[in-house]
Amino acid sequence: MKLQKLISKLQQKHPKKIDLTIGRTFNLLKKLGNPQDKINNVISVVGTNSKYSICQILKTILNKAGYKCNLYLSPHLQSYTERFVYNDKEINDENLIELLKDIEKILKNDKATLFEILTCAYLKYCEEFKDNVTLIEAGLFHQFDSTNVFKKNLASIIGSIGLDHLQWIKNKTIEGIIHEKTISLLNSNIFVNKQDDEKVTLKIESALKNNQSKKYFFGKDFNILKAENSFIQYEDSHGSIILPEPNILGDHQLSNISTSIVAARKIFNIKDEYIKKAVTKIELKGRLQEIKSGKLKKLIGQNKLICDGGHNVNAAKAISNWIKQQNQDVHLIIGMMKDKDHIGFINFFKSSTKSITLIDIPNQDGSISKEELKKKLNVMNEKIILSNSIKESIRSINKYQNNICVITGSLYLVGEVLNLN
């Protein structure tokens, strides 16, 4: 409660939740002694989807090889402390409160959005672990994002890029989004993840033509394929590796694994043995995560309970592909924010699910109500069910056996699910 009270207070420092200009960030960083210039071994991760997964997978590989890591993530699912990882450990509430109070005193009456304050706080505390590998997940777009403050880095990793958050940019096309995410990438190394189609990859390649970095593209400079007996074959110029089956769900994670591997090999020359160990130890919170115990698991009966924070069309495609590979009936529980492509998202699940239950996201003013969402989906009315709560929607699937329940549509929804569980 103390942390949330302080967060609410800091939110009043700027009237806009999102304000895509970077001057306030540099102003605060200057007051803090420009900590961003003192941090070594930075890797920036940008993109629409897959940023979180790539950060966690690369961190796991580096940890297995003996490297200590810092990690800055956004958004969080359950607590703001999730965003602040130093020396491989999440900060505790008390230390984060103390850190944010110090930042508040230094900021004084200057304006800054909450995200800008959190980012600057993270970088200031990161000075104490400045020689670790620091993985920075970019926020919105990157060009005017408060994580775009470094003069040098080891590498930039580009996750998958798709149409999302269009209300914040003038050029509301895939080219516009690619421009925002790539125009200010530093000259070092750039690793480009698998994209939704080859056209997007070519557009990224064109956008990067004036960037002097060494560039590595999925499908051209590195690749990953499913082999027999659930093994995975990865290849790049260093040679191929036969990997054990990863411990995470979804074929879309294979490209995320491959992009993390190529970065680990090219930058750190990580040995194959550590990569093999890492792929069976990856932990991804709220990304096709199976809930195997807890209060909500008890409600689901003899069925699997999966949650995924996917909220845009590319994420829906990945989740839908995974659903189609299952030999069980799948029930969907969906809650979404107002500013998403609701029809585009849910259309992916028309033929692959037995039922779709719509719910409100608790504690989120920016979410779309289940009734309003149903009106937008009137062509699918025969499949749509409305439920009053997360628990009620899960309990309704208890009558089945050996089915799968997937809760998706929003990271905020998944956070509520994990808290309830």
Protein backbone atom coordinates (compact mmCIF):
# COMPACT_ATOMS: atom_id res chain seq x y z
CA MET A 1 0.00 0.00 0.00
CA LYS A 2 2.87 2.40 0.77
CA LEU A 3 4.39 1.80 -2.65
CA GLN A 4 1.09 2.28 -4.47
CA LYS A 5 0.41 5.47 -2.51
CA LEU A 6 3.78 6.87 -3.54
CA ILE A 7 3.21 5.82 -7.17
CA SER A 8 -0.15 7.64 -7.16
CA LYS A 9 1.57 10.75 -5.84
CA LEU A 10 4.26 10.60 -8.53
CA GLN A 11 1.60 10.26 -11.21
CA GLN A 12 0.53 13.83 -10.39
CA LYS A 13 3.92 15.18 -11.53
CA HIS A 14 2.67 15.44 -15.10
CA PRO A 15 -0.95 15.65 -16.27
CA LYS A 16 -0.41 13.24 -19.18
CA LYS A 17 0.12 9.53 -18.61
CA ILE A 18 2.01 9.36 -21.92
CA ASP A 19 3.82 12.33 -23.45
CA LEU A 20 6.25 11.34 -26.19
CA THR A 21 8.99 13.90 -25.72
CA ILE A 22 12.36 13.20 -24.16
CA GLY A 23 13.42 16.56 -22.69
CA ARG A 24 11.96 15.93 -19.23
CA THR A 25 13.91 12.67 -18.99
CA PHE A 26 17.24 14.30 -19.81
CA ASN A 27 16.47 17.11 -17.38
CA LEU A 28 15.95 14.66 -14.52
CA LEU A 29 18.93 12.51 -15.53
CA LYS A 30 21.14 15.62 -15.47
CA LYS A 31 19.99 16.34 -11.91
CA LEU A 32 20.88 12.73 -11.04
CA GLY A 33 24.41 13.06 -12.46
CA ASN A 34 23.67 11.43 -15.83
CA PRO A 35 23.78 7.82 -14.60
CA GLN A 36 23.00 6.52 -18.10
CA ASP A 37 26.53 7.51 -19.16
CA LYS A 38 28.10 5.45 -16.37
CA ILE A 39 26.38 2.14 -17.12
CA ASN A 40 28.37 -0.33 -19.22
CA ASN A 41 27.23 -3.31 -21.33
CA VAL A 42 23.76 -2.05 -22.25
CA ILE A 43 21.50 -4.03 -24.61
CA SER A 44 18.37 -2.24 -25.81
CA VAL A 45 15.33 -4.29 -26.84
CA VAL A 46 12.67 -2.61 -29.00
CA GLY A 47 9.61 -3.83 -30.88
CA THR A 48 5.85 -4.31 -30.67
CA ASN A 49 5.85 -7.90 -29.43
CA SER A 50 8.45 -10.31 -28.03
CA LYS A 51 10.54 -7.73 -26.12
CA TYR A 52 9.83 -9.24 -22.71
CA SER A 53 10.46 -12.79 -23.92
CA ILE A 54 13.76 -11.89 -25.59
CA CYS A 55 14.94 -10.06 -22.46
CA GLN A 56 14.15 -13.02 -20.22
CA ILE A 57 15.57 -15.65 -22.61
CA LEU A 58 18.82 -13.73 -23.16
CA LYS A 59 19.14 -13.13 -19.43
CA THR A 60 18.73 -16.86 -18.77
CA ILE A 61 21.46 -17.72 -21.30
CA LEU A 62 23.84 -15.13 -19.84
CA ASN A 63 23.15 -16.30 -16.28
CA LYS A 64 23.96 -19.90 -17.21
CA ALA A 65 27.27 -18.67 -18.63
CA GLY A 66 28.09 -16.87 -15.38
CA TYR A 67 27.14 -13.29 -16.27
CA LYS A 68 25.29 -11.07 -13.80
CA CYS A 69 22.42 -9.10 -15.30
CA ASN A 70 20.29 -6.05 -14.63
CA LEU A 71 16.86 -5.91 -16.25
CA TYR A 72 14.40 -3.05 -16.83
CA LEU A 73 10.92 -4.15 -17.91
CA SER A 74 7.54 -2.55 -18.57
CA PRO A 75 4.76 -2.90 -17.88
CA HIS A 76 4.63 -5.08 -14.77
CA LEU A 77 1.96 -7.69 -14.08
CA GLN A 78 1.62 -7.71 -10.29
CA SER A 79 4.02 -5.21 -8.75
CA TYR A 80 6.18 -2.27 -9.84
CA THR A 81 9.14 -4.11 -8.31
CA GLU A 82 9.07 -6.49 -11.32
CA ARG A 83 10.43 -3.65 -13.47
CA PHE A 84 13.57 -3.22 -11.33
CA VAL A 85 15.97 -6.18 -11.51
CA TYR A 86 19.57 -5.72 -10.39
CA ASN A 87 22.23 -8.40 -10.07
CA ASP A 88 19.53 -10.92 -11.13
CA LYS A 89 17.26 -10.05 -8.20
CA GLU A 90 14.02 -8.09 -8.16
CA ILE A 91 14.15 -5.04 -5.90
CA ASN A 92 12.02 -5.23 -2.74
CA ASP A 93 9.23 -2.79 -1.84
CA GLU A 94 11.23 -0.98 0.83
CA ASN A 95 14.22 -0.28 -1.40
CA LEU A 96 12.02 0.84 -4.28
CA ILE A 97 10.09 3.23 -2.01
CA GLU A 98 13.36 4.69 -0.73
CA LEU A 99 14.69 5.05 -4.29
CA LEU A 100 11.54 6.76 -5.58
CA LYS A 101 11.43 9.13 -2.60
CA ASP A 102 14.99 10.19 -3.38
CA ILE A 103 14.05 10.81 -7.01
CA GLU A 104 10.98 12.79 -5.92
CA LYS A 105 13.16 15.09 -3.78
CA ILE A 106 15.57 15.70 -6.65
CA LEU A 107 12.79 16.27 -9.19
CA LYS A 108 11.17 18.88 -6.91
CA ASN A 109 8.54 20.82 -8.86
CA ASP A 110 9.70 19.80 -12.33
CA LYS A 111 7.31 17.83 -14.53
CA ALA A 112 7.81 14.18 -15.49
CA THR A 113 5.52 11.30 -16.39
CA LEU A 114 5.49 8.29 -14.11
CA PHE A 115 7.31 6.18 -16.71
CA GLU A 116 10.00 8.83 -17.02
CA ILE A 117 10.45 8.91 -13.24
CA LEU A 118 10.61 5.10 -13.04
CA THR A 119 13.15 4.92 -15.86
CA CYS A 120 15.40 7.57 -14.34
CA ALA A 121 15.12 5.90 -10.93
CA TYR A 122 16.09 2.58 -12.47
CA LEU A 123 19.15 4.06 -14.19
CA LYS A 124 20.31 5.86 -11.05
CA TYR A 125 20.21 2.71 -8.94
CA CYS A 126 21.81 0.79 -11.80
CA GLU A 127 25.03 2.72 -11.20
CA GLU A 128 25.70 0.38 -8.27
CA PHE A 129 25.76 -2.56 -10.72
CA LYS A 130 27.20 -0.70 -13.70
CA ASP A 131 29.47 -3.50 -14.94
CA ASN A 132 26.71 -6.11 -15.20
CA VAL A 133 24.98 -6.74 -18.52
CA THR A 134 21.99 -4.38 -18.48
CA LEU A 135 18.97 -5.35 -20.58
CA ILE A 136 16.60 -2.45 -21.24
CA GLU A 137 13.11 -3.11 -22.60
CA ALA A 138 11.99 0.00 -24.49
CA GLY A 139 8.63 1.54 -23.73
CA LEU A 140 6.40 3.11 -26.39
CA PHE A 141 8.05 3.13 -29.84
CA HIS A 142 11.60 4.13 -28.69
CA GLN A 143 12.50 7.35 -30.55
CA PHE A 144 11.03 9.63 -27.86
CA ASP A 145 10.93 7.00 -25.13
CA SER A 146 12.76 7.67 -21.87
CA THR A 147 14.87 4.51 -22.35
CA ASN A 148 16.45 6.10 -25.44
CA VAL A 149 19.11 8.01 -23.51
CA PHE A 150 22.34 6.08 -24.07
CA LYS A 151 25.36 7.29 -26.05
CA LYS A 152 26.60 3.74 -26.63
CA ASN A 153 25.46 0.16 -26.18
CA LEU A 154 26.54 -3.38 -26.94
CA ALA A 155 23.56 -4.04 -29.17
CA SER A 156 19.98 -3.28 -30.08
CA ILE A 157 17.55 -6.16 -30.54
CA ILE A 158 14.45 -5.61 -32.64
CA GLY A 159 11.55 -7.87 -31.71
CA SER A 160 8.55 -8.42 -33.96
CA ILE A 161 6.95 -5.19 -35.18
CA GLY A 162 3.24 -4.81 -35.83
CA LEU A 163 0.36 -2.34 -35.75
CA ASP A 164 -0.34 -1.17 -32.20
CA HIS A 165 -0.61 2.12 -30.26
CA LEU A 166 -1.42 3.95 -33.50
CA GLN A 167 -3.13 6.80 -31.64
CA TRP A 168 0.27 8.11 -30.54
CA ILE A 169 1.84 8.67 -33.97
CA LYS A 170 1.00 10.68 -37.09
CA ASN A 171 2.06 8.06 -39.65
CA LYS A 172 -0.34 5.28 -38.69
CA THR A 173 1.24 2.61 -40.92
CA ILE A 174 3.72 -0.19 -40.38
CA GLU A 175 6.34 2.09 -41.98
CA GLY A 176 5.53 4.76 -39.40
CA ILE A 177 5.95 2.33 -36.53
CA ILE A 178 9.20 0.93 -37.94
CA HIS A 179 10.53 4.49 -38.27
CA GLU A 180 9.74 5.29 -34.63
CA LYS A 181 11.40 2.11 -33.38
CA THR A 182 14.54 2.19 -35.54
CA ILE A 183 15.42 5.80 -36.43
CA SER A 184 17.52 6.45 -33.31
CA LEU A 185 19.11 3.04 -32.76
CA LEU A 186 22.79 3.37 -31.91
CA ASN A 187 25.66 2.21 -34.11
CA SER A 188 26.78 -1.09 -32.58
CA ASN A 189 25.12 -4.44 -33.34
CA ILE A 190 21.51 -4.91 -34.42
CA PHE A 191 19.71 -8.26 -34.26
CA VAL A 192 16.34 -8.47 -36.03
CA ASN A 193 13.83 -11.08 -34.89
CA LYS A 194 11.46 -12.99 -37.18
CA GLN A 195 8.66 -10.74 -38.43
CA ASP A 196 5.05 -11.46 -39.30
CA ASP A 197 5.94 -11.56 -42.99
CA GLU A 198 8.92 -10.97 -45.26
CA LYS A 199 7.63 -7.54 -46.31
CA VAL A 200 8.03 -6.23 -42.76
CA THR A 201 11.60 -7.56 -42.61
CA LEU A 202 12.44 -5.79 -45.87
CA LYS A 203 10.93 -2.55 -44.56
CA ILE A 204 13.07 -2.82 -41.40
CA GLU A 205 16.14 -3.50 -43.53
CA SER A 206 15.39 -0.41 -45.60
CA ALA A 207 14.84 1.72 -42.49
CA LEU A 208 18.26 0.64 -41.15
CA LYS A 209 20.23 1.26 -44.35
CA ASN A 210 21.97 4.35 -42.94
CA ASN A 211 22.73 2.75 -39.58
CA GLN A 212 26.37 1.61 -39.49
CA SER A 213 25.81 -1.27 -37.07
CA LYS A 214 26.61 -4.87 -37.83
CA LYS A 215 23.19 -6.30 -38.68
CA TYR A 216 21.87 -9.83 -38.27
CA PHE A 217 18.47 -10.85 -39.64
CA PHE A 218 16.40 -13.92 -38.79
CA GLY A 219 16.20 -16.25 -41.78
CA LYS A 220 19.30 -14.78 -43.41
CA ASP A 221 22.01 -14.69 -40.73
CA PHE A 222 20.50 -17.10 -38.21
CA ASN A 223 17.62 -19.56 -38.10
CA ILE A 224 15.87 -22.11 -35.94
CA LEU A 225 13.88 -25.18 -36.95
CA LYS A 226 11.99 -27.97 -35.25
CA ALA A 227 13.83 -31.28 -35.63
CA GLU A 228 12.70 -34.83 -34.85
CA ASN A 229 11.83 -36.02 -31.33
CA SER A 230 10.97 -32.47 -30.15
CA PHE A 231 14.56 -31.28 -30.54
CA ILE A 232 15.33 -27.86 -31.99
CA GLN A 233 18.08 -27.04 -34.49
CA TYR A 234 19.60 -23.57 -34.36
CA GLU A 235 22.04 -22.28 -37.00
CA ASP A 236 24.24 -19.25 -37.57
CA SER A 237 27.76 -18.54 -38.89
CA HIS A 238 29.25 -20.06 -35.72
CA GLY A 239 27.64 -23.40 -36.60
CA SER A 240 24.54 -25.32 -35.58
CA ILE A 241 23.32 -26.47 -32.17
CA ILE A 242 20.82 -29.23 -31.45
CA LEU A 243 18.77 -27.93 -28.53
CA PRO A 244 16.47 -29.78 -26.14
CA GLU A 245 12.77 -28.91 -26.18
CA PRO A 246 12.26 -25.51 -24.51
CA ASN A 247 10.19 -25.39 -21.32
CA ILE A 248 7.95 -22.59 -22.68
CA LEU A 249 4.82 -22.90 -24.81
CA GLY A 250 4.28 -21.63 -28.36
CA ASP A 251 6.23 -22.02 -31.58
CA HIS A 252 6.54 -18.23 -31.79
CA GLN A 253 8.97 -18.47 -28.87
CA LEU A 254 11.43 -20.37 -31.07
CA SER A 255 12.28 -17.24 -33.03
CA ASN A 256 12.66 -15.32 -29.76
CA ILE A 257 15.04 -18.03 -28.55
CA SER A 258 17.01 -17.85 -31.80
CA THR A 259 17.38 -14.06 -31.64
CA SER A 260 18.58 -14.34 -28.04
CA ILE A 261 21.06 -17.06 -29.00
CA VAL A 262 22.58 -15.10 -31.89
CA ALA A 263 23.07 -12.08 -29.62
CA ALA A 264 24.66 -14.27 -26.93
CA ARG A 265 27.02 -15.88 -29.43
CA LYS A 266 28.00 -12.79 -31.42
CA ILE A 267 28.50 -10.43 -28.46
CA PHE A 268 29.61 -12.75 -25.66
CA ASN A 269 30.78 -15.88 -27.50
CA ILE A 270 28.62 -18.02 -25.19
CA LYS A 271 29.40 -21.72 -25.39
CA ASP A 272 26.82 -24.20 -26.66
CA GLU A 273 26.61 -26.05 -23.34
CA TYR A 274 25.24 -22.97 -21.55
CA ILE A 275 22.72 -22.29 -24.31
CA LYS A 276 21.45 -25.88 -24.08
CA LYS A 277 21.04 -25.60 -20.32
CA ALA A 278 19.29 -22.25 -20.59
CA VAL A 279 16.49 -23.22 -23.00
CA THR A 280 15.01 -25.63 -20.44
CA LYS A 281 15.09 -23.02 -17.62
CA ILE A 282 13.35 -20.00 -19.17
CA GLU A 283 10.63 -18.37 -17.05
CA LEU A 284 8.09 -16.19 -18.85
CA LYS A 285 5.43 -14.64 -16.68
CA GLY A 286 2.05 -14.18 -18.37
CA ARG A 287 3.18 -15.48 -21.77
CA LEU A 288 1.31 -18.74 -22.44
CA GLN A 289 2.00 -19.42 -18.79
CA GLU A 290 0.30 -22.48 -17.37
CA ILE A 291 -1.07 -21.95 -13.87
CA LYS A 292 -0.47 -25.29 -12.19
CA SER A 293 -1.49 -24.50 -8.61
CA GLY A 294 -3.38 -21.91 -6.58
CA LYS A 295 -6.93 -20.71 -5.98
CA LEU A 296 -7.93 -20.33 -9.62
CA LYS A 297 -6.41 -23.65 -10.58
CA LYS A 298 -8.72 -25.31 -8.06
CA LEU A 299 -11.73 -23.65 -9.74
CA ILE A 300 -10.89 -25.01 -13.19
CA GLY A 301 -11.22 -28.68 -12.18
CA GLN A 302 -9.72 -31.27 -14.56
CA ASN A 303 -8.71 -28.67 -17.14
CA LYS A 304 -5.58 -26.70 -17.97
CA LEU A 305 -5.45 -22.99 -17.13
CA ILE A 306 -3.23 -20.81 -19.35
CA CYS A 307 -2.78 -17.02 -19.31
CA ASP A 308 -1.22 -14.75 -21.92
CA GLY A 309 -1.08 -10.96 -21.91
CA GLY A 310 -1.26 -10.70 -25.72
CA HIS A 311 -3.38 -7.73 -26.79
CA ASN A 312 -2.71 -7.03 -30.47
CA VAL A 313 -3.23 -8.83 -33.77
CA ASN A 314 0.27 -10.33 -33.97
CA ALA A 315 -0.08 -11.73 -30.45
CA ALA A 316 -3.51 -13.17 -31.32
CA LYS A 317 -2.01 -14.91 -34.32
CA ALA A 318 0.70 -16.52 -32.19
CA ILE A 319 -1.76 -17.64 -29.51
CA SER A 320 -4.19 -18.94 -32.13
CA ASN A 321 -1.45 -20.97 -33.82
CA TRP A 322 -0.64 -22.59 -30.49
CA ILE A 323 -4.33 -23.35 -29.85
CA LYS A 324 -4.65 -25.05 -33.25
CA GLN A 325 -1.84 -27.43 -32.31
CA GLN A 326 -3.67 -28.70 -29.23
CA ASN A 327 -5.68 -31.91 -29.30
CA GLN A 328 -8.13 -30.57 -26.74
CA ASP A 329 -11.08 -28.18 -26.82
CA VAL A 330 -10.03 -24.65 -25.92
CA HIS A 331 -12.17 -22.03 -24.14
CA LEU A 332 -11.15 -18.38 -24.29
CA ILE A 333 -11.68 -15.74 -21.58
CA ILE A 334 -11.02 -12.24 -22.91
CA GLY A 335 -10.82 -8.76 -21.40
CA MET A 336 -9.31 -5.85 -23.36
CA MET A 337 -8.46 -2.18 -23.15
CA LYS A 338 -10.51 0.34 -25.17
CA ASP A 339 -7.71 1.36 -27.55
CA LYS A 340 -7.09 -2.09 -29.07
CA ASP A 341 -8.17 -3.71 -32.35
CA HIS A 342 -10.86 -5.83 -30.71
CA ILE A 343 -12.34 -7.36 -33.87
CA GLY A 344 -8.93 -8.04 -35.41
CA PHE A 345 -7.76 -9.71 -32.20
CA ILE A 346 -10.79 -11.94 -31.60
CA ASN A 347 -11.24 -12.87 -35.28
CA PHE A 348 -8.18 -15.12 -34.97
CA PHE A 349 -10.08 -17.32 -32.53
CA LYS A 350 -13.34 -17.78 -34.46
CA SER A 351 -12.65 -21.31 -35.64
CA SER A 352 -10.14 -22.50 -33.07
CA THR A 353 -12.09 -22.20 -29.79
CA LYS A 354 -15.15 -23.90 -28.32
CA SER A 355 -16.33 -20.79 -26.46
CA ILE A 356 -15.35 -17.16 -25.91
CA THR A 357 -16.23 -15.51 -22.59
CA LEU A 358 -15.96 -11.73 -22.29
CA ILE A 359 -15.24 -10.08 -18.94
CA ASP A 360 -14.40 -6.63 -17.61
CA ILE A 361 -10.81 -6.04 -16.53
CA PRO A 362 -10.99 -5.22 -12.81
CA ASN A 363 -9.51 -1.90 -11.62
CA GLN A 364 -8.88 -0.53 -15.13
CA ASP A 365 -10.76 2.61 -16.20
CA GLY A 366 -9.32 2.31 -19.70
CA SER A 367 -10.82 -1.11 -20.39
CA ILE A 368 -13.76 -1.81 -22.66
CA SER A 369 -16.86 -3.23 -20.96
CA LYS A 370 -17.92 -6.76 -21.85
CA GLU A 371 -21.27 -5.43 -23.12
CA GLU A 372 -19.65 -2.89 -25.43
CA LEU A 373 -17.18 -5.49 -26.65
CA LYS A 374 -20.00 -7.93 -27.42
CA LYS A 375 -21.79 -5.28 -29.51
CA LYS A 376 -18.67 -4.87 -31.63
CA LEU A 377 -18.55 -8.65 -32.16
CA ASN A 378 -22.20 -9.18 -33.09
CA VAL A 379 -21.30 -11.40 -36.04
CA MET A 380 -20.01 -13.97 -33.53
CA ASN A 381 -22.87 -13.81 -31.05
CA GLU A 382 -23.53 -17.55 -31.08
CA LYS A 383 -20.15 -18.15 -29.45
CA ILE A 384 -19.98 -15.19 -27.09
CA ILE A 385 -20.67 -15.54 -23.36
CA LEU A 386 -20.64 -12.72 -20.81
CA SER A 387 -19.36 -13.27 -17.29
CA ASN A 388 -19.31 -11.03 -14.23
CA SER A 389 -15.86 -11.88 -12.92
CA ILE A 390 -12.62 -13.76 -13.51
CA LYS A 391 -13.59 -16.40 -10.97
CA GLU A 392 -17.10 -16.88 -12.41
CA SER A 393 -15.73 -17.26 -15.93
CA ILE A 394 -13.18 -19.86 -14.84
CA ARG A 395 -15.70 -21.74 -12.70
CA SER A 396 -18.03 -22.09 -15.71
CA ILE A 397 -15.43 -24.25 -17.46
CA ASN A 398 -15.25 -26.65 -14.51
CA LYS A 399 -18.05 -28.74 -16.08
CA TYR A 400 -15.65 -29.89 -18.81
CA GLN A 401 -12.81 -32.38 -18.49
CA ASN A 402 -9.42 -32.32 -20.19
CA ASN A 403 -10.15 -28.98 -21.88
CA ILE A 404 -7.92 -25.89 -21.95
CA CYS A 405 -8.89 -22.44 -20.70
CA VAL A 406 -6.85 -19.52 -22.07
CA ILE A 407 -7.21 -16.08 -20.44
CA THR A 408 -5.93 -13.34 -22.73
CA GLY A 409 -6.44 -9.88 -24.25
CA SER A 410 -4.50 -7.70 -21.82
CA LEU A 411 -1.44 -7.71 -19.58
CA TYR A 412 -3.58 -5.89 -17.00
CA LEU A 413 -6.05 -8.80 -17.04
CA VAL A 414 -3.27 -11.33 -16.60
CA GLY A 415 -1.91 -9.33 -13.66
CA GLU A 416 -5.33 -9.51 -12.00
CA VAL A 417 -5.47 -13.25 -12.67
CA LEU A 418 -2.08 -13.86 -11.08
CA ASN A 419 -3.02 -11.72 -8.07
CA LEU A 420 -6.26 -13.64 -7.57
CA ASN A 421 -4.49 -16.96 -7.86
